């Protein structure tokens, strides 16, 4: 795992504990990265009004975890491909957006 991926994994594990009071082992977290054009993105992931502030195509990385009760948690974030700075963050629990943050 590259340094940035490890940093985001640690961020996910820490946020799950701090905000949601759920202990997550890093080895139980899935990681994926995708390039998307705006028209390919579901409104659940990033609403259209937020998309207009983001580049197209965009790189979205996701971290996912299923807790002991079977709830699926996903944190997705859009990164600037050149600087690797976080532009947008979204949290989804069982298919419903529960939080987001726009950094641009």
Protein backbone atom coordinates (compact mmCIF):
# COMPACT_ATOMS: atom_id res chain seq x y z
CA UNK A 1 0.00 0.00 0.00
CA UNK A 2 1.36 3.40 -0.98
CA UNK A 3 1.88 6.16 1.60
CA UNK A 4 -1.17 8.21 0.56
CA UNK A 5 -3.44 5.14 0.61
CA UNK A 6 -2.15 4.29 4.10
CA UNK A 7 -2.80 7.87 5.20
CA UNK A 8 -6.40 7.70 3.91
CA UNK A 9 -6.90 4.29 5.50
CA UNK A 10 -5.72 5.67 8.86
CA UNK A 11 -8.04 8.67 8.37
CA UNK A 12 -11.02 6.34 7.71
CA UNK A 13 -10.29 4.12 10.73
CA UNK A 14 -9.81 7.19 12.95
CA UNK A 15 -12.98 8.90 11.71
CA UNK A 16 -15.07 5.76 12.20
CA UNK A 17 -13.88 5.64 15.85
CA UNK A 18 -14.07 9.37 16.58
CA UNK A 19 -17.35 10.25 14.84
CA UNK A 20 -19.29 6.97 14.79
CA UNK A 21 -17.70 5.18 17.78
CA UNK A 22 -16.98 2.07 15.70
CA UNK A 23 -13.69 0.21 16.02
CA UNK A 24 -12.42 -0.78 12.59
CA UNK A 25 -9.38 -2.92 11.83
CA UNK A 26 -7.51 -1.60 8.82
CA UNK A 27 -7.31 -5.07 7.28
CA UNK A 28 -11.16 -5.15 7.16
CA UNK A 29 -11.35 -2.02 4.99
CA UNK A 30 -11.70 -2.22 1.21
CA UNK A 31 -10.04 0.36 -1.04
CA UNK A 32 -10.83 1.23 -4.66
CA UNK A 33 -10.08 4.15 -6.99
CA UNK A 34 -11.98 5.14 -10.14
CA UNK A 35 -11.94 7.86 -12.78
CA UNK A 36 -15.42 9.15 -13.66
CA UNK A 37 -16.91 11.72 -15.97
CA UNK A 38 -19.66 13.78 -14.36
CA UNK A 39 -22.44 12.07 -16.32
CA UNK A 40 -21.35 8.69 -14.90
CA UNK A 41 -21.74 9.71 -11.26
CA UNK A 42 -24.86 8.83 -9.29
CA UNK A 43 -26.53 11.68 -7.38
CA UNK A 44 -26.22 9.58 -4.20
CA UNK A 45 -22.46 9.68 -4.45
CA UNK A 46 -22.10 13.33 -5.46
CA UNK A 47 -25.17 15.53 -6.05
CA UNK A 48 -25.18 17.51 -9.33
CA UNK A 49 -24.94 20.85 -7.49
CA UNK A 50 -21.65 19.66 -5.94
CA UNK A 51 -20.32 18.12 -9.17
CA UNK A 52 -20.28 21.48 -10.93
CA UNK A 53 -17.48 22.57 -8.56
CA UNK A 54 -15.33 19.50 -9.36
CA UNK A 55 -13.13 18.57 -12.35
CA UNK A 56 -14.32 16.19 -15.07
CA UNK A 57 -13.12 13.52 -15.28
CA UNK A 58 -12.48 13.15 -11.58
CA UNK A 59 -10.62 10.63 -9.49
CA UNK A 60 -12.70 9.21 -6.65
CA UNK A 61 -11.21 6.89 -4.07
CA UNK A 62 -13.42 4.87 -1.76
CA UNK A 63 -12.88 3.09 1.52
CA UNK A 64 -15.55 0.62 2.59
CA UNK A 65 -16.30 -1.43 5.67
CA UNK A 66 -19.15 -3.69 6.82
CA UNK A 67 -19.73 -3.52 10.58
CA UNK A 68 -20.80 -6.32 12.96
CA UNK A 69 -24.48 -5.51 12.37
CA UNK A 70 -24.11 -5.79 8.59
CA UNK A 71 -24.19 -2.04 7.89
CA UNK A 72 -22.04 -0.97 4.96
CA UNK A 73 -20.02 2.22 5.46
CA UNK A 74 -18.38 3.97 2.52
CA UNK A 75 -16.22 7.06 2.56
CA UNK A 76 -15.52 8.48 -0.86
CA UNK A 77 -13.30 11.40 -1.69
CA UNK A 78 -12.38 13.23 -4.85
CA UNK A 79 -8.70 14.07 -5.23
CA UNK A 80 -6.95 16.57 -7.45
CA UNK A 81 -4.92 14.20 -9.63
CA UNK A 82 -1.90 16.54 -9.76
CA UNK A 83 -1.66 17.71 -6.14
CA UNK A 84 -3.49 14.74 -4.49
CA UNK A 85 -5.38 17.27 -2.34
CA UNK A 86 -8.87 16.31 -1.23
CA UNK A 87 -11.54 18.29 -3.11
CA UNK A 88 -14.70 16.55 -1.84
CA UNK A 89 -15.66 13.95 0.74
CA UNK A 90 -18.84 11.90 1.11
CA UNK A 91 -19.95 9.35 3.73
CA UNK A 92 -22.56 6.72 2.88
CA UNK A 93 -24.16 4.25 5.27
CA UNK A 94 -26.27 1.44 3.78
CA UNK A 95 -26.78 3.30 0.51
CA UNK A 96 -27.75 6.65 2.06
CA UNK A 97 -25.57 9.73 2.11
CA UNK A 98 -25.07 10.75 5.76
CA UNK A 99 -22.42 13.47 5.41
CA UNK A 100 -20.34 15.38 2.90
CA UNK A 101 -17.74 18.12 2.79
CA UNK A 102 -16.73 20.34 -0.13
CA UNK A 103 -13.13 21.57 0.02
CA UNK A 104 -13.13 23.68 -3.20
